[in-house]
Every structure is written in structure tokens, then in C-alpha cells.
Protein backbone atom coordinates (compact mmCIF):
# COMPACT_ATOMS: atom_id res chain seq x y z
CA MET A 1 -0.66 53.28 17.51
CA SER A 2 -3.11 53.70 14.66
CA GLU A 3 -6.24 51.63 15.28
CA ASN A 4 -6.75 51.27 11.52
CA LEU A 5 -3.69 49.07 11.11
CA ARG A 6 -4.82 45.46 10.84
CA GLY A 7 -4.23 42.30 8.93
CA LYS A 8 -5.03 38.63 8.74
CA ALA A 9 -2.01 36.51 9.51
CA SER A 10 -1.27 33.18 11.14
CA VAL A 11 1.67 33.83 13.45
CA ALA A 12 2.75 31.29 16.08
CA PHE A 13 2.73 32.47 19.69
CA SER A 14 3.14 31.25 23.23
CA LEU A 15 0.82 32.46 25.95
CA SER A 16 1.51 32.44 29.69
CA LEU A 17 0.37 34.07 32.90
CA PRO A 18 2.62 37.00 33.91
CA GLY A 19 4.99 35.96 36.67
CA SER A 20 4.65 32.23 35.95
CA SER A 21 7.63 29.99 35.28
CA SER A 22 8.59 29.33 31.66
CA GLY A 23 7.96 25.57 31.80
CA ASP A 24 5.88 23.87 29.11
CA ALA A 25 3.02 23.20 31.55
CA ALA A 26 2.76 26.95 32.20
CA THR A 27 2.31 27.97 28.55
CA LEU A 28 -0.13 27.50 25.70
CA GLU A 29 0.96 27.43 22.08
CA GLY A 30 -1.31 28.74 19.35
CA HIS A 31 -1.55 30.98 16.32
CA THR A 32 -3.12 34.30 15.47
CA ARG A 33 -6.03 34.67 13.09
CA ASP A 34 -6.24 38.45 12.91
CA MET A 35 -4.05 41.25 14.24
CA ARG A 36 -4.59 44.96 14.67
CA ALA A 37 -2.67 47.69 16.40
CA THR A 38 -4.90 47.47 19.48
CA GLY A 39 -5.55 43.72 19.75
CA LEU A 40 -5.30 40.18 18.43
CA SER A 41 -7.48 37.16 17.68
CA LEU A 42 -5.77 34.12 19.16
CA VAL A 43 -6.52 30.46 18.42
CA VAL A 44 -5.70 28.16 21.37
CA PRO A 45 -6.39 24.47 22.06
CA ARG A 46 -7.86 25.05 25.56
CA LEU A 47 -8.85 27.81 27.99
CA ARG A 48 -6.65 26.78 30.93
CA ILE A 49 -2.98 26.97 31.84
CA GLY A 50 -2.48 24.54 34.68
CA GLY A 51 -5.46 25.18 36.94
CA GLU A 52 -5.91 28.80 35.85
CA GLU A 53 -8.64 29.89 33.44
CA ILE A 54 -7.08 32.29 30.93
CA VAL A 55 -10.31 34.13 30.10
CA ALA A 56 -11.25 34.97 33.71
CA ALA A 57 -12.34 38.53 34.48
CA ASP A 58 -9.45 40.99 34.97
CA ARG A 59 -6.93 38.42 33.69
CA GLN A 60 -3.66 39.64 32.19
CA LEU A 61 -1.79 37.35 29.80
CA ARG A 62 1.73 37.45 28.39
CA VAL A 63 1.93 36.76 24.64
CA VAL A 64 5.16 36.18 22.73
CA LEU A 65 4.56 36.44 18.97
CA GLU A 66 7.10 34.69 16.72
CA LEU A 67 7.50 37.36 14.04
CA PRO A 68 9.97 36.96 11.15
CA SER A 69 12.10 39.70 12.78
CA GLY A 70 12.21 37.76 16.08
CA PRO A 71 10.05 37.28 19.17
CA LEU A 72 7.81 40.16 20.22
CA GLU A 73 6.37 40.32 23.75
CA MET A 74 3.20 42.02 24.97
CA GLU A 75 0.67 41.84 27.76
CA VAL A 76 -2.98 41.47 26.79
CA ALA A 77 -6.41 41.24 28.38
CA PRO A 78 -9.08 38.87 27.05
CA VAL A 79 -12.28 40.60 25.96
CA ARG A 80 -14.22 37.69 24.40
CA TYR A 81 -13.92 34.04 23.46
CA GLU A 82 -15.84 31.41 21.54
CA PRO A 83 -15.42 27.72 20.69
CA LEU A 84 -14.22 26.87 17.19
CA GLU A 85 -16.48 24.01 16.12
CA ALA A 86 -14.83 23.21 12.77
CA GLU A 87 -11.17 23.27 13.78
CA GLY A 88 -11.47 22.62 17.50
CA GLY A 89 -10.03 24.85 20.20
CA TYR A 90 -11.06 28.39 20.99
CA LEU A 91 -10.84 31.85 19.48
CA ILE A 92 -9.93 34.51 22.04
CA GLY A 93 -10.13 38.22 21.31
CA VAL A 94 -7.57 40.16 23.34
CA ARG A 95 -6.76 43.86 23.80
CA ILE A 96 -3.10 44.88 24.01
CA THR A 97 -2.51 46.48 27.42
CA GLU A 98 1.28 46.75 27.50
CA ILE A 99 4.06 46.61 24.90
CA SER A 100 7.55 48.11 24.91
CA ASP A 101 8.28 51.00 22.58
CA SER A 102 10.74 48.94 20.51
CA ASP A 103 8.30 46.00 20.18
CA CYS A 104 5.51 48.43 19.30
CA VAL A 105 7.58 49.84 16.42
CA ARG A 106 8.31 46.30 15.14
CA PHE A 107 4.64 45.29 15.49
CA VAL A 108 3.39 48.32 13.54
CA LYS A 109 6.02 47.70 10.85
CA TYR A 110 4.84 44.08 10.59
CA LEU A 111 1.17 45.13 10.34
CA ARG A 112 2.00 47.64 7.60
CA ALA A 113 3.78 44.89 5.64
CA LEU A 114 0.57 42.78 5.72
CA ARG A 115 -1.34 45.37 3.71
């Protein structure tokens, strides 16, 4: 993927720990602030899913973006986070570590449409 592809967009997503059940208690809902071909900026209300800290070292997270063309799934790794004073919650910067070829094509197409 081209690292230059990026755009600001607020897209709803759900975040979970890989291998966890799909119950509401095991997911976080949020929205993106910024997206690029290699990573995302995610806004979430808290930094825990159940008892697990989502920004722990070596943590892998499953993100399902709700794009206009349908849900898009990827695995990501957190690289930084900071509290959002004005709006509450947290901003988490994540690097995309795994995405299927078909979802990658859809993601790149979406990013190009943001330009």
C-alpha cells in the first residue's frame, strides 16, 4: 500500500481483542479521526476491554471499520495514545499489521475517494 494515501474522516468502528467473544462487553465502539494506508487514529471512550488494557505492549487489536461499502476488518497494533481533554476519551494511534487482500483494495479505494 502507498504510505502517502491518507485522509481525515470520522468512520465508526468496533474494536476487540483477537479471539475474544463478540459480546458487547468484549468490544469498544468509537470513530476514526485520521486514516492512512499504514495506520489509523482511533477515538475511544476508555483504554480497557473488560479487564484488558488495549494499549499494552505487544497488544494486537481487531478493528472493524463501518465503511459505506460495508464492514472492513483489520488487525492493528497500538503505537501511542493520549487523553482527549476537550471531548473526553482517548486518541490511539495504531499501525495496521494484518488486512486481507480484498479489504486492502476496498480500504485504498476509500482513502483515494477522501482526497
